[in-house]
Amino acid sequence: MRAKMPPPIIFHGTTDTMVPFAQATKFCAARKQPGNACEVKSYERRGHDFFNFGHRKLMSCGEDFKSTLQAIDDFLVSLGSLKSTTK
């Protein structure tokens, strides 16, 4: 990895069978090595694409969607890319 890469935030279910959770954490650790920002948000007992609103008939789907949107806002605020709307 090289320095000055765009900062990713990764939302990953711990039971994802398409992309193992360990792969996401390994990628993020490697991304941070040259001084880049990277964050992994884990979601227990969630699989692949768990936060796509209305995609699956999970009771938590709407809440997961809202949670990831809030985490995106928080991440962008922490980078100075977005102004906080909380007072």
C-alpha atoms as a PDB file:
ATOM      1  CA  MET A   1       0.000   0.000   0.000  1.00  0.00           C
ATOM      2  CA  ARG A   2       1.104   3.532  -0.543  1.00  0.00           C
ATOM      3  CA  ALA A   3       0.573   6.744   1.403  1.00  0.00           C
ATOM      4  CA  LYS A   4      -2.139   9.316   0.687  1.00  0.00           C
ATOM      5  CA  MET A   5      -4.798   6.817  -0.368  1.00  0.00           C
ATOM      6  CA  PRO A   6      -8.495   7.704   0.037  1.00  0.00           C
ATOM      7  CA  PRO A   7      -9.765   6.658   3.470  1.00  0.00           C
ATOM      8  CA  PRO A   8     -12.169   3.692   3.421  1.00  0.00           C
ATOM      9  CA  ILE A   9     -14.693   2.668   6.029  1.00  0.00           C
ATOM     10  CA  ILE A  10     -15.682  -0.987   5.836  1.00  0.00           C
ATOM     11  CA  PHE A  11     -18.971  -2.385   7.157  1.00  0.00           C
ATOM     12  CA  HIS A  12     -18.595  -6.094   7.609  1.00  0.00           C
ATOM     13  CA  GLY A  13     -20.710  -8.855   9.047  1.00  0.00           C
ATOM     14  CA  THR A  14     -18.801 -11.281  11.237  1.00  0.00           C
ATOM     15  CA  THR A  15     -20.511 -14.268   9.593  1.00  0.00           C
ATOM     16  CA  ASP A  16     -19.972 -13.134   5.988  1.00  0.00           C
ATOM     17  CA  THR A  17     -19.225 -16.250   3.926  1.00  0.00           C
ATOM     18  CA  MET A  18     -18.430 -14.405   0.676  1.00  0.00           C
ATOM     19  CA  VAL A  19     -15.650 -12.219   2.093  1.00  0.00           C
ATOM     20  CA  PRO A  20     -14.301 -13.468   5.431  1.00  0.00           C
ATOM     21  CA  PHE A  21     -14.277 -10.918   8.226  1.00  0.00           C
ATOM     22  CA  ALA A  22     -10.554 -11.544   8.802  1.00  0.00           C
ATOM     23  CA  GLN A  23      -9.859 -10.419   5.237  1.00  0.00           C
ATOM     24  CA  ALA A  24     -11.449  -7.029   5.891  1.00  0.00           C
ATOM     25  CA  THR A  25      -9.445  -6.485   9.067  1.00  0.00           C
ATOM     26  CA  LYS A  26      -6.233  -7.581   7.345  1.00  0.00           C
ATOM     27  CA  PHE A  27      -6.866  -5.147   4.475  1.00  0.00           C
ATOM     28  CA  CYS A  28      -7.525  -2.299   6.889  1.00  0.00           C
ATOM     29  CA  ALA A  29      -4.367  -3.019   8.890  1.00  0.00           C
ATOM     30  CA  ALA A  30      -2.295  -3.012   5.688  1.00  0.00           C
ATOM     31  CA  ARG A  31      -3.965   0.191   4.543  1.00  0.00           C
ATOM     32  CA  LYS A  32      -2.991   1.939   7.781  1.00  0.00           C
ATOM     33  CA  GLN A  33       0.710   0.999   7.539  1.00  0.00           C
ATOM     34  CA  PRO A  34       1.824   3.912   5.361  1.00  0.00           C
ATOM     35  CA  GLY A  35      -0.261   6.339   7.462  1.00  0.00           C
ATOM     36  CA  ASN A  36      -3.639   6.132   5.756  1.00  0.00           C
ATOM     37  CA  ALA A  37      -6.947   6.198   7.595  1.00  0.00           C
ATOM     38  CA  CYS A  38      -9.082   3.066   7.538  1.00  0.00           C
ATOM     39  CA  GLU A  39     -11.861   1.813   9.773  1.00  0.00           C
ATOM     40  CA  VAL A  40     -13.713  -1.498  10.045  1.00  0.00           C
ATOM     41  CA  LYS A  41     -17.150  -1.533  11.648  1.00  0.00           C
ATOM     42  CA  SER A  42     -18.107  -5.071  12.605  1.00  0.00           C
ATOM     43  CA  TYR A  43     -21.675  -6.316  12.843  1.00  0.00           C
ATOM     44  CA  GLU A  44     -22.132  -9.482  14.852  1.00  0.00           C
ATOM     45  CA  ARG A  45     -23.989 -12.391  13.261  1.00  0.00           C
ATOM     46  CA  ARG A  46     -24.491 -10.530   9.982  1.00  0.00           C
ATOM     47  CA  GLY A  47     -23.623 -11.896   6.563  1.00  0.00           C
ATOM     48  CA  HIS A  48     -22.760 -10.306   3.245  1.00  0.00           C
ATOM     49  CA  ASP A  49     -24.661  -7.114   2.188  1.00  0.00           C
ATOM     50  CA  PHE A  50     -26.529  -7.125   5.505  1.00  0.00           C
ATOM     51  CA  PHE A  51     -27.149  -3.362   5.519  1.00  0.00           C
ATOM     52  CA  ASN A  52     -28.815  -3.017   2.111  1.00  0.00           C
ATOM     53  CA  PHE A  53     -32.202  -1.609   3.048  1.00  0.00           C
ATOM     54  CA  GLY A  54     -35.045  -3.940   2.111  1.00  0.00           C
ATOM     55  CA  HIS A  55     -32.751  -6.487   0.479  1.00  0.00           C
ATOM     56  CA  ARG A  56     -33.337  -9.217   3.016  1.00  0.00           C
ATOM     57  CA  LYS A  57     -36.253  -9.926   5.253  1.00  0.00           C
ATOM     58  CA  LEU A  58     -34.345  -9.338   8.461  1.00  0.00           C
ATOM     59  CA  MET A  59     -35.925  -7.474  11.306  1.00  0.00           C
ATOM     60  CA  SER A  60     -32.664  -5.591  11.824  1.00  0.00           C
ATOM     61  CA  CYS A  61     -32.267  -4.560   8.185  1.00  0.00           C
ATOM     62  CA  GLY A  62     -33.655  -1.059   8.641  1.00  0.00           C
ATOM     63  CA  GLU A  63     -31.658  -0.543  11.819  1.00  0.00           C
ATOM     64  CA  ASP A  64     -28.447  -1.808  10.212  1.00  0.00           C
ATOM     65  CA  PHE A  65     -29.010   0.567   7.292  1.00  0.00           C
ATOM     66  CA  LYS A  66     -29.491   3.524   9.644  1.00  0.00           C
ATOM     67  CA  SER A  67     -26.492   2.490  11.730  1.00  0.00           C
ATOM     68  CA  THR A  68     -24.184   2.356   8.725  1.00  0.00           C
ATOM     69  CA  LEU A  69     -25.376   5.744   7.467  1.00  0.00           C
ATOM     70  CA  GLN A  70     -24.640   7.276  10.870  1.00  0.00           C
ATOM     71  CA  ALA A  71     -21.211   5.613  10.946  1.00  0.00           C
ATOM     72  CA  ILE A  72     -20.432   7.063   7.498  1.00  0.00           C
ATOM     73  CA  ASP A  73     -21.331  10.536   8.740  1.00  0.00           C
ATOM     74  CA  ASP A  74     -19.234  10.071  11.887  1.00  0.00           C
ATOM     75  CA  PHE A  75     -16.273   8.826   9.835  1.00  0.00           C
ATOM     76  CA  LEU A  76     -16.428  11.774   7.441  1.00  0.00           C
ATOM     77  CA  VAL A  77     -16.699  14.219  10.355  1.00  0.00           C
ATOM     78  CA  SER A  78     -13.648  12.615  11.995  1.00  0.00           C
ATOM     79  CA  LEU A  79     -11.687  13.192   8.771  1.00  0.00           C
ATOM     80  CA  GLY A  80     -12.823  16.803   8.506  1.00  0.00           C
ATOM     81  CA  SER A  81     -14.670  16.059   5.261  1.00  0.00           C
ATOM     82  CA  LEU A  82     -18.105  16.782   6.693  1.00  0.00           C
ATOM     83  CA  LYS A  83     -19.293  19.237   9.332  1.00  0.00           C
ATOM     84  CA  SER A  84     -20.999  17.814  12.370  1.00  0.00           C
ATOM     85  CA  THR A  85     -24.688  18.601  12.725  1.00  0.00           C
ATOM     86  CA  THR A  86     -24.840  17.705  16.432  1.00  0.00           C
ATOM     87  CA  LYS A  87     -24.713  20.489  18.966  1.00  0.00           C
END
